[in-house]
Amino acid sequence: MTKFTSFSYFLLFTFCLVTFQNAHSQNDFLVGDALPDAPELTARGSYGVGVQTLNLVNKDQLDVLSITEGKGTNYDRPITVEIWYPATIPDGVKEIEIYTQVLGRNGAEGRPVTPFTFKGRALRDAKIISNQGKFPLVILSHGYVGSRFLFTYLAENLASKGYVVVSIDHTDSTYKDAAHFTSTLANRSLDQLFVLSEIERLSAASNDSFLANLVDTSRTGLVGYSMGGYGGLNTCGAGYSDGALDFFKSMTGGSDALDSRGMSNESYKSSADPDKITAFVALAPWGMANGVWDAEGLAGLKTPTLFVAGSEDDISGYEKGIKAIYEGSLNSDRYLLTYVNARHNVAPNPPVEATMMEGLHIDEYLRYADSVWDMRRINNINQHFITAFLGIHLKGMDYQEYLNVEPDANTGNWKGFKPRTSIGMELLHAAPKSE
């Protein structure tokens, strides 16, 4: 076994730093780029990345915000999605996109909605690669509040590795249109299922969409953060508890709008679509500490799942929250990656200059930052493990060795990590109960 000396570590650091500087000498360091200590599978893939926006409409849906005394009206629910895909980048054209995001929160006193921009590594409306068959689908679902641009670092990275990535703007749940929490509770899983259905329709050979013949929806991964994880668990078979349904009724004057997603509802199992979603990544999923699931509900999750959490999560909870979901999902082949001492923000892009303005409300910074961990480091590690997990389940790639590591990162070097950099994390694994 090679013994590293202090001089060896110095040479290794120098090599990494020079490589990093050379790689980014012509461009700014952008959201999602690999730090010198990034693990192996963080690196971008071989494909160029294109990006387009689609405005979808889910017709004749219950307008949860219209509910009074338990009853509401229907409307055509708008859903905007951003789509990243493998693309051909013309010679001499920079693979750069400027995203427009906002700070603040609609309706929150003292937190006005303020636009800001940041750069990513994608090209707007780039030509689709059309001669390599269909690509697996990955759906991204943000938290409350959030946006479809909350984790561009992951979307661009996965698209460069041969995935079509669709990120949802959940109506009533973004910075721009944040509304009463009941809309998010009722619509999150429904939005995910609708988007999956729409992408399947648009990718049919007979469709004139740019997605025609591009997407293989039989190989779909779902990535949900916070409320996106809440909805994703339900989408993948974990029906809500009777207590959660009663809580929703108490908030809406008796509405049964959430009943169709309850584990005790016979129609729920047929409306969930866990067979098409072959892999699920739940980043800090909300709800367990609030009684959203019971043992029966969690037993309904059979989709292979990678949970990601901060051990000090004060929004979703850890021991009685995310870890309890992991432990209770007895019928899923599952992993739990824990960032020790991190809080809730284990998914977003890192803070950019706009989030550091003097006098800005602290919550705007903390939407994108952790008080212990460097978010760029978390982003890189997420890229690494999600690449491994989705690669196994959506592409049949031989990445298992990256997940078969000692639980405690401090006890040795994890596969794919540079020497001395696998520290401060834990990775647990549990096989399905039937095995």
Protein backbone atom coordinates (compact mmCIF):
# COMPACT_ATOMS: atom_id res chain seq x y z
CA MET A 1 0.00 0.00 0.00
CA THR A 2 1.38 3.40 -1.02
CA LYS A 3 2.44 5.58 1.89
CA PHE A 4 1.82 9.27 1.35
CA THR A 5 4.31 11.74 2.78
CA SER A 6 3.73 15.41 3.39
CA PHE A 7 5.66 16.14 0.20
CA SER A 8 3.45 13.70 -1.72
CA TYR A 9 0.34 15.53 -0.51
CA PHE A 10 1.94 18.82 -1.55
CA LEU A 11 2.61 17.49 -5.06
CA LEU A 12 -0.93 16.11 -5.31
CA PHE A 13 -2.44 19.42 -4.23
CA THR A 14 -0.25 21.34 -6.68
CA PHE A 15 -1.25 19.01 -9.53
CA CYS A 16 -4.97 19.37 -8.74
CA LEU A 17 -4.69 23.15 -8.44
CA VAL A 18 -2.85 23.53 -11.76
CA THR A 19 -5.32 21.23 -13.51
CA PHE A 20 -8.21 23.22 -12.05
CA GLN A 21 -6.71 26.56 -13.09
CA ASN A 22 -5.97 25.35 -16.62
CA ALA A 23 -9.47 23.94 -17.02
CA HIS A 24 -11.05 27.27 -16.09
CA SER A 25 -8.45 29.74 -17.35
CA GLN A 26 -10.70 30.76 -20.26
CA ASN A 27 -13.96 30.93 -18.31
CA ASP A 28 -15.24 31.98 -14.93
CA PHE A 29 -15.76 29.27 -12.35
CA LEU A 30 -19.43 28.56 -12.79
CA VAL A 31 -22.15 26.84 -10.78
CA GLY A 32 -21.60 23.09 -11.07
CA ASP A 33 -17.95 23.14 -12.06
CA ALA A 34 -15.68 20.61 -10.37
CA LEU A 35 -13.47 21.80 -7.50
CA PRO A 36 -9.94 20.38 -7.26
CA ASP A 37 -11.11 17.92 -4.58
CA ALA A 38 -14.25 16.81 -6.45
CA PRO A 39 -14.83 13.03 -6.51
CA GLU A 40 -14.36 11.10 -9.73
CA LEU A 41 -17.91 10.95 -11.12
CA THR A 42 -18.40 14.70 -10.69
CA ALA A 43 -16.71 15.30 -14.05
CA ARG A 44 -18.99 16.30 -16.90
CA GLY A 45 -19.78 13.75 -19.56
CA SER A 46 -18.91 13.81 -23.25
CA TYR A 47 -22.09 15.44 -24.55
CA GLY A 48 -22.70 19.11 -25.18
CA VAL A 49 -25.73 20.44 -23.33
CA GLY A 50 -28.71 22.26 -24.82
CA VAL A 51 -31.54 23.88 -22.89
CA GLN A 52 -35.11 24.88 -23.77
CA THR A 53 -38.20 26.06 -21.91
CA LEU A 54 -41.66 24.50 -22.27
CA ASN A 55 -44.94 25.87 -20.98
CA LEU A 56 -47.32 23.01 -20.20
CA VAL A 57 -50.96 23.04 -19.08
CA ASN A 58 -52.61 20.41 -16.90
CA LYS A 59 -56.25 20.88 -17.83
CA ASP A 60 -59.27 20.78 -15.54
CA GLN A 61 -57.46 20.53 -12.21
CA LEU A 62 -58.79 21.48 -8.80
CA ASP A 63 -57.72 25.00 -7.86
CA VAL A 64 -56.78 24.31 -4.24
CA LEU A 65 -56.54 28.02 -3.53
CA SER A 66 -60.20 28.44 -4.40
CA ILE A 67 -61.38 26.00 -1.70
CA THR A 68 -63.84 27.40 0.82
CA GLU A 69 -65.76 25.24 3.26
CA GLY A 70 -64.20 22.16 1.71
CA LYS A 71 -65.18 22.87 -1.93
CA GLY A 72 -63.27 24.46 -4.81
CA THR A 73 -63.41 25.13 -8.54
CA ASN A 74 -61.36 23.64 -11.37
CA TYR A 75 -58.93 25.44 -13.66
CA ASP A 76 -56.23 24.78 -16.25
CA ARG A 77 -53.05 24.54 -14.16
CA PRO A 78 -49.94 26.03 -15.85
CA ILE A 79 -46.65 24.20 -15.40
CA THR A 80 -43.39 25.62 -16.79
CA VAL A 81 -40.46 23.24 -17.20
CA GLU A 82 -36.83 23.70 -18.19
CA ILE A 83 -35.32 20.90 -20.28
CA TRP A 84 -31.61 20.12 -20.61
CA TYR A 85 -30.56 17.52 -23.20
CA PRO A 86 -27.52 16.10 -25.04
CA ALA A 87 -26.72 18.51 -27.86
CA THR A 88 -24.23 19.45 -30.55
CA ILE A 89 -22.34 22.64 -29.75
CA PRO A 90 -21.09 24.39 -32.92
CA ASP A 91 -17.38 25.09 -33.24
CA GLY A 92 -16.46 28.48 -31.87
CA VAL A 93 -19.70 28.85 -29.89
CA LYS A 94 -19.45 29.12 -26.11
CA GLU A 95 -21.55 26.63 -24.15
CA ILE A 96 -22.90 29.32 -21.85
CA GLU A 97 -26.43 30.12 -20.70
CA ILE A 98 -27.48 33.03 -18.49
CA TYR A 99 -30.30 31.98 -16.17
CA THR A 100 -32.66 34.50 -14.60
CA GLN A 101 -33.69 33.65 -11.05
CA VAL A 102 -35.21 35.72 -8.28
CA LEU A 103 -34.53 36.35 -4.64
CA GLY A 104 -37.25 36.97 -2.14
CA ARG A 105 -40.66 35.41 -1.77
CA ASN A 106 -43.97 36.57 -3.16
CA GLY A 107 -46.13 37.93 -0.38
CA ALA A 108 -43.46 37.86 2.33
CA GLU A 109 -43.08 41.19 4.13
CA GLY A 110 -39.60 42.62 3.82
CA ARG A 111 -38.53 40.14 1.13
CA PRO A 112 -39.35 41.69 -2.25
CA VAL A 113 -38.99 39.52 -5.35
CA THR A 114 -35.73 40.69 -6.95
CA PRO A 115 -34.35 39.22 -10.21
CA PHE A 116 -30.74 38.16 -10.55
CA THR A 117 -28.76 36.23 -13.15
CA PHE A 118 -26.05 33.58 -13.11
CA LYS A 119 -24.19 31.60 -15.73
CA GLY A 120 -24.38 27.93 -16.53
CA ARG A 121 -22.72 25.58 -19.00
CA ALA A 122 -25.46 24.98 -21.56
CA LEU A 123 -26.47 26.50 -24.90
CA ARG A 124 -30.02 27.80 -25.41
CA ASP A 125 -31.87 25.96 -28.23
CA ALA A 126 -28.78 23.96 -29.23
CA LYS A 127 -29.24 21.26 -31.87
CA ILE A 128 -30.33 17.92 -30.42
CA ILE A 129 -28.15 14.86 -30.90
CA SER A 130 -30.44 12.72 -33.00
CA ASN A 131 -28.37 9.72 -34.04
CA GLN A 132 -27.78 7.99 -30.70
CA GLY A 133 -31.20 6.63 -29.82
CA LYS A 134 -33.33 7.63 -26.87
CA PHE A 135 -31.97 8.91 -23.58
CA PRO A 136 -33.26 8.17 -20.06
CA LEU A 137 -35.39 10.83 -18.39
CA VAL A 138 -34.65 12.58 -15.09
CA ILE A 139 -37.32 14.81 -13.51
CA LEU A 140 -36.25 17.45 -10.96
CA SER A 141 -38.73 18.74 -8.37
CA HIS A 142 -37.83 21.71 -6.16
CA GLY A 143 -38.88 22.60 -2.62
CA TYR A 144 -41.27 25.18 -1.18
CA VAL A 145 -40.36 27.78 -2.21
CA GLY A 146 -37.97 27.26 -5.09
CA SER A 147 -37.78 27.19 -8.87
CA ARG A 148 -36.79 25.09 -11.86
CA PHE A 149 -33.37 26.76 -11.73
CA LEU A 150 -32.63 25.78 -8.12
CA PHE A 151 -30.21 22.99 -9.08
CA THR A 152 -28.86 23.75 -12.54
CA TYR A 153 -25.51 22.27 -11.41
CA LEU A 154 -27.12 18.83 -11.41
CA ALA A 155 -29.30 19.29 -14.49
CA GLU A 156 -26.42 20.34 -16.73
CA ASN A 157 -24.12 17.65 -15.35
CA LEU A 158 -26.61 14.84 -15.98
CA ALA A 159 -27.49 16.08 -19.47
CA SER A 160 -23.78 15.99 -20.36
CA LYS A 161 -23.83 12.30 -19.37
CA GLY A 162 -26.66 11.32 -21.68
CA TYR A 163 -29.91 12.13 -19.84
CA VAL A 164 -32.83 14.36 -20.75
CA VAL A 165 -33.43 16.41 -17.59
CA VAL A 166 -36.76 18.14 -16.97
CA SER A 167 -36.98 20.56 -14.04
CA ILE A 168 -40.42 21.71 -12.89
CA ASP A 169 -41.63 25.15 -11.80
CA HIS A 170 -44.36 24.03 -9.39
CA THR A 171 -47.18 26.58 -9.63
CA ASP A 172 -47.99 28.30 -6.30
CA SER A 173 -44.66 27.08 -4.93
CA THR A 174 -41.99 29.29 -6.56
CA TYR A 175 -40.40 32.51 -5.33
CA LYS A 176 -42.52 34.44 -7.84
CA ASP A 177 -45.91 32.93 -7.09
CA ALA A 178 -45.64 31.44 -3.59
CA ALA A 179 -49.14 30.79 -2.29
CA HIS A 180 -50.79 28.95 0.59
CA PHE A 181 -49.01 25.73 1.57
CA THR A 182 -52.14 23.64 0.88
CA SER A 183 -51.57 23.95 -2.87
CA THR A 184 -48.11 22.44 -2.52
CA LEU A 185 -49.39 19.65 -0.28
CA ALA A 186 -52.06 18.67 -2.78
CA ASN A 187 -50.29 19.24 -6.09
CA ARG A 188 -46.69 18.16 -5.68
CA SER A 189 -47.05 14.48 -6.63
CA LEU A 190 -49.75 15.31 -9.22
CA ASP A 191 -47.38 17.75 -10.94
CA GLN A 192 -44.65 15.12 -11.10
CA LEU A 193 -46.98 12.52 -12.60
CA PHE A 194 -48.36 15.05 -15.10
CA VAL A 195 -44.90 16.06 -16.28
CA LEU A 196 -43.91 12.41 -16.73
CA SER A 197 -47.07 11.82 -18.78
CA GLU A 198 -46.49 14.95 -20.88
CA ILE A 199 -42.87 14.10 -21.65
CA GLU A 200 -44.00 10.63 -22.70
CA ARG A 201 -46.56 12.17 -25.04
CA LEU A 202 -44.16 14.73 -26.46
CA SER A 203 -41.43 12.14 -27.04
CA ALA A 204 -43.64 9.94 -29.25
CA ALA A 205 -42.34 9.56 -32.79
CA SER A 206 -45.57 11.02 -34.18
CA ASN A 207 -45.22 14.26 -32.21
CA ASP A 208 -43.74 17.42 -33.74
CA SER A 209 -42.03 18.39 -30.46
CA PHE A 210 -38.26 18.72 -30.28
CA LEU A 211 -38.47 15.81 -27.81
CA ALA A 212 -39.84 13.37 -30.41
CA ASN A 213 -37.79 10.15 -30.40
CA LEU A 214 -35.40 11.66 -27.85
CA VAL A 215 -36.65 10.33 -24.50
CA ASP A 216 -37.07 6.81 -23.13
CA THR A 217 -39.60 7.33 -20.34
CA SER A 218 -39.46 3.65 -19.38
CA ARG A 219 -36.13 4.60 -17.80
CA THR A 220 -37.09 7.53 -15.59
CA GLY A 221 -35.39 8.88 -12.50
CA LEU A 222 -37.10 11.32 -10.13
CA VAL A 223 -35.05 13.74 -8.01
CA GLY A 224 -37.01 15.63 -5.36
CA TYR A 225 -35.76 18.17 -2.82
CA SER A 226 -37.67 18.95 0.40
CA MET A 227 -41.32 19.23 -0.77
CA GLY A 228 -40.15 17.68 -4.03
CA GLY A 229 -39.05 14.69 -1.96
CA TYR A 230 -42.39 14.74 -0.13
CA GLY A 231 -44.20 14.49 -3.44
CA GLY A 232 -41.69 12.06 -4.89
CA LEU A 233 -42.19 9.53 -2.12
CA ASN A 234 -45.91 9.61 -2.84
CA THR A 235 -45.34 9.35 -6.59
CA CYS A 236 -43.20 6.26 -6.01
CA GLY A 237 -45.71 4.42 -3.83
CA ALA A 238 -45.53 5.83 -0.29
CA GLY A 239 -49.16 6.83 0.29
CA TYR A 240 -49.94 9.54 2.82
CA SER A 241 -51.24 8.55 6.27
CA ASP A 242 -54.80 9.10 7.44
CA GLY A 243 -53.36 11.65 9.86
CA ALA A 244 -51.93 13.64 6.95
CA LEU A 245 -55.30 13.56 5.16
CA ASP A 246 -57.05 14.78 8.31
CA PHE A 247 -54.49 17.59 8.70
CA PHE A 248 -55.18 18.72 5.14
CA LYS A 249 -58.93 18.69 5.82
CA SER A 250 -58.40 20.86 8.89
CA MET A 251 -56.53 23.42 6.78
CA THR A 252 -59.15 23.56 4.03
CA GLY A 253 -62.44 23.39 5.86
CA GLY A 254 -62.93 19.69 5.17
CA SER A 255 -61.66 19.26 1.60
CA ASP A 256 -60.94 15.66 0.55
CA ALA A 257 -58.58 16.80 -2.25
CA LEU A 258 -55.63 14.92 -0.76
CA ASP A 259 -57.57 11.68 -0.17
CA SER A 260 -56.70 10.29 -3.60
CA ARG A 261 -53.03 10.21 -2.54
CA GLY A 262 -53.67 8.41 0.76
CA MET A 263 -52.45 4.87 1.41
CA SER A 264 -55.91 3.87 2.63
CA ASN A 265 -57.51 4.88 -0.69
CA GLU A 266 -57.91 1.91 -3.03
CA SER A 267 -57.54 4.11 -6.12
CA TYR A 268 -54.16 5.43 -4.96
CA LYS A 269 -52.12 2.40 -5.96
CA SER A 270 -53.41 2.52 -9.54
CA SER A 271 -52.76 6.27 -9.81
CA ALA A 272 -49.17 6.04 -8.59
CA ASP A 273 -46.70 5.07 -11.30
CA PRO A 274 -43.74 3.49 -9.53
CA ASP A 275 -43.03 1.01 -12.36
CA LYS A 276 -42.00 3.68 -14.86
CA ILE A 277 -39.87 5.51 -12.30
CA THR A 278 -36.98 3.12 -11.83
CA ALA A 279 -34.84 5.26 -9.50
CA PHE A 280 -35.64 7.95 -6.94
CA VAL A 281 -33.32 10.47 -5.27
CA ALA A 282 -34.85 12.12 -2.19
CA LEU A 283 -32.87 15.15 -1.05
CA ALA A 284 -33.96 16.21 2.46
CA PRO A 285 -37.57 15.02 1.93
CA TRP A 286 -40.08 16.82 4.16
CA GLY A 287 -42.98 15.28 6.05
CA MET A 288 -42.03 12.36 8.28
CA ALA A 289 -41.57 14.44 11.41
CA ASN A 290 -45.04 15.88 10.74
CA GLY A 291 -46.76 12.49 10.54
CA VAL A 292 -47.19 12.44 6.75
CA TRP A 293 -46.36 8.72 6.59
CA ASP A 294 -46.97 5.73 8.82
CA ALA A 295 -45.41 2.26 8.59
CA GLU A 296 -47.91 1.07 5.98
CA GLY A 297 -47.30 4.09 3.77
CA LEU A 298 -43.52 3.78 3.84
CA ALA A 299 -43.81 0.06 3.07
CA GLY A 300 -45.37 1.10 -0.24
CA LEU A 301 -42.06 2.53 -1.46
CA LYS A 302 -40.41 -0.16 -3.60
CA THR A 303 -38.43 2.03 -5.96
CA PRO A 304 -34.63 1.96 -5.41
CA THR A 305 -33.94 5.18 -3.51
CA LEU A 306 -30.96 7.35 -2.61
CA PHE A 307 -31.75 9.56 0.38
CA VAL A 308 -29.50 12.59 0.98
CA ALA A 309 -29.62 14.52 4.26
CA GLY A 310 -27.87 16.84 6.65
CA SER A 311 -27.53 15.42 10.15
CA GLU A 312 -28.71 18.76 11.62
CA ASP A 313 -31.65 19.31 9.28
CA ASP A 314 -34.00 21.63 11.17
CA ILE A 315 -36.70 21.72 8.47
CA SER A 316 -37.36 18.07 7.63
CA GLY A 317 -35.72 16.64 10.75
CA TYR A 318 -33.07 13.94 10.68
CA GLU A 319 -33.47 11.13 13.25
CA LYS A 320 -37.27 11.44 13.32
CA GLY A 321 -37.44 12.73 9.78
CA ILE A 322 -35.27 11.67 6.85
CA LYS A 323 -33.47 8.83 8.61
CA ALA A 324 -36.81 7.50 9.87
CA ILE A 325 -38.08 7.42 6.26
CA TYR A 326 -34.94 5.55 5.23
CA GLU A 327 -35.36 3.02 8.04
CA GLY A 328 -39.10 2.59 7.45
CA SER A 329 -38.93 2.05 3.69
CA LEU A 330 -38.48 -1.68 4.21
CA ASN A 331 -39.32 -2.75 0.67
CA SER A 332 -36.91 -0.44 -1.12
CA ASP A 333 -33.25 -1.05 -1.92
CA ARG A 334 -32.05 2.19 -0.39
CA TYR A 335 -29.08 4.33 0.58
CA LEU A 336 -28.74 7.23 2.98
CA LEU A 337 -25.95 9.74 2.33
CA THR A 338 -25.53 12.07 5.31
CA TYR A 339 -23.53 15.28 5.41
CA VAL A 340 -22.49 15.47 9.06
CA ASN A 341 -23.45 18.82 10.68
CA ALA A 342 -25.19 20.13 7.55
CA ARG A 343 -28.72 21.46 7.84
CA HIS A 344 -31.49 21.37 5.20
CA ASN A 345 -29.73 22.83 2.16
CA VAL A 346 -28.19 19.69 0.66
CA ALA A 347 -29.53 20.29 -2.85
CA PRO A 348 -29.46 23.92 -4.13
CA ASN A 349 -26.92 25.73 -6.25
CA PRO A 350 -24.32 27.62 -4.20
CA PRO A 351 -24.76 31.30 -3.32
CA VAL A 352 -23.87 33.72 -6.08
CA GLU A 353 -22.95 37.39 -5.84
CA ALA A 354 -26.59 38.54 -5.72
CA THR A 355 -27.23 36.54 -2.54
CA MET A 356 -24.44 38.37 -0.71
CA MET A 357 -25.65 41.96 -1.12
CA GLU A 358 -25.39 44.15 1.97
CA GLY A 359 -28.68 44.44 3.80
CA LEU A 360 -30.22 41.40 2.10
CA HIS A 361 -32.56 39.32 4.26
CA ILE A 362 -30.59 36.41 5.75
CA ASP A 363 -33.13 33.93 4.39
CA GLU A 364 -32.11 34.80 0.82
CA TYR A 365 -28.55 33.74 1.55
CA LEU A 366 -29.62 30.65 3.48
CA ARG A 367 -31.72 29.46 0.54
CA TYR A 368 -28.43 28.66 -1.16
CA ALA A 369 -25.93 28.14 1.65
CA ASP A 370 -25.10 25.91 4.59
CA SER A 371 -23.44 27.33 7.68
CA VAL A 372 -20.86 24.51 7.88
CA TRP A 373 -20.44 22.99 4.43
CA ASP A 374 -19.26 24.67 1.23
CA MET A 375 -22.24 24.29 -1.13
CA ARG A 376 -19.94 23.83 -4.14
CA ARG A 377 -18.46 20.83 -2.32
CA ILE A 378 -21.92 19.41 -1.61
CA ASN A 379 -22.87 19.99 -5.26
CA ASN A 380 -19.83 18.04 -6.46
CA ILE A 381 -20.47 15.14 -4.10
CA ASN A 382 -24.13 15.05 -5.14
CA GLN A 383 -23.09 14.95 -8.79
CA HIS A 384 -20.80 12.03 -8.01
CA PHE A 385 -23.25 9.87 -6.07
CA ILE A 386 -26.31 10.68 -8.18
CA THR A 387 -24.30 9.84 -11.30
CA ALA A 388 -23.44 6.47 -9.77
CA PHE A 389 -26.97 5.75 -8.53
CA LEU A 390 -28.82 6.75 -11.71
CA GLY A 391 -26.14 5.14 -13.87
CA ILE A 392 -26.81 1.79 -12.20
CA HIS A 393 -30.60 1.95 -12.40
CA LEU A 394 -31.24 3.87 -15.62
CA LYS A 395 -28.28 2.82 -17.77
CA GLY A 396 -27.10 -0.48 -16.32
CA MET A 397 -23.62 0.90 -15.73
CA ASP A 398 -21.08 -0.82 -13.51
CA TYR A 399 -20.94 1.85 -10.80
CA GLN A 400 -21.77 -0.28 -7.76
CA GLU A 401 -18.24 0.01 -6.37
CA TYR A 402 -18.83 3.73 -5.78
CA LEU A 403 -21.71 2.88 -3.44
CA ASN A 404 -20.16 -0.17 -1.76
CA VAL A 405 -18.05 1.85 0.67
CA GLU A 406 -17.54 1.80 4.43
CA PRO A 407 -20.39 3.64 6.17
CA ASP A 408 -18.11 6.17 7.86
CA ALA A 409 -16.12 8.25 5.37
CA ASN A 410 -13.63 9.16 8.10
CA THR A 411 -12.38 5.58 8.39
CA GLY A 412 -10.75 5.47 4.99
CA ASN A 413 -10.78 6.70 1.41
CA TRP A 414 -14.10 6.17 -0.37
CA LYS A 415 -13.93 4.89 -3.94
CA GLY A 416 -13.63 7.81 -6.36
CA PHE A 417 -12.48 10.33 -3.74
CA LYS A 418 -9.01 11.83 -3.76
CA PRO A 419 -6.79 11.03 -0.75
CA ARG A 420 -7.85 12.76 2.47
CA THR A 421 -11.09 14.13 0.95
CA SER A 422 -13.66 11.52 2.00
CA ILE A 423 -14.47 12.98 5.37
CA GLY A 424 -17.50 14.26 7.25
CA MET A 425 -20.01 11.94 5.58
CA GLU A 426 -21.85 8.70 6.17
CA LEU A 427 -23.33 6.32 3.60
CA LEU A 428 -25.73 3.62 4.81
CA HIS A 429 -27.32 0.87 2.74
CA ALA A 430 -30.29 -1.41 3.39
CA ALA A 431 -31.62 -4.13 1.09
CA PRO A 432 -35.37 -4.69 0.66
CA LYS A 433 -36.99 -6.73 3.44
CA SER A 434 -37.93 -9.46 0.96
CA GLU A 435 -34.23 -10.15 0.42
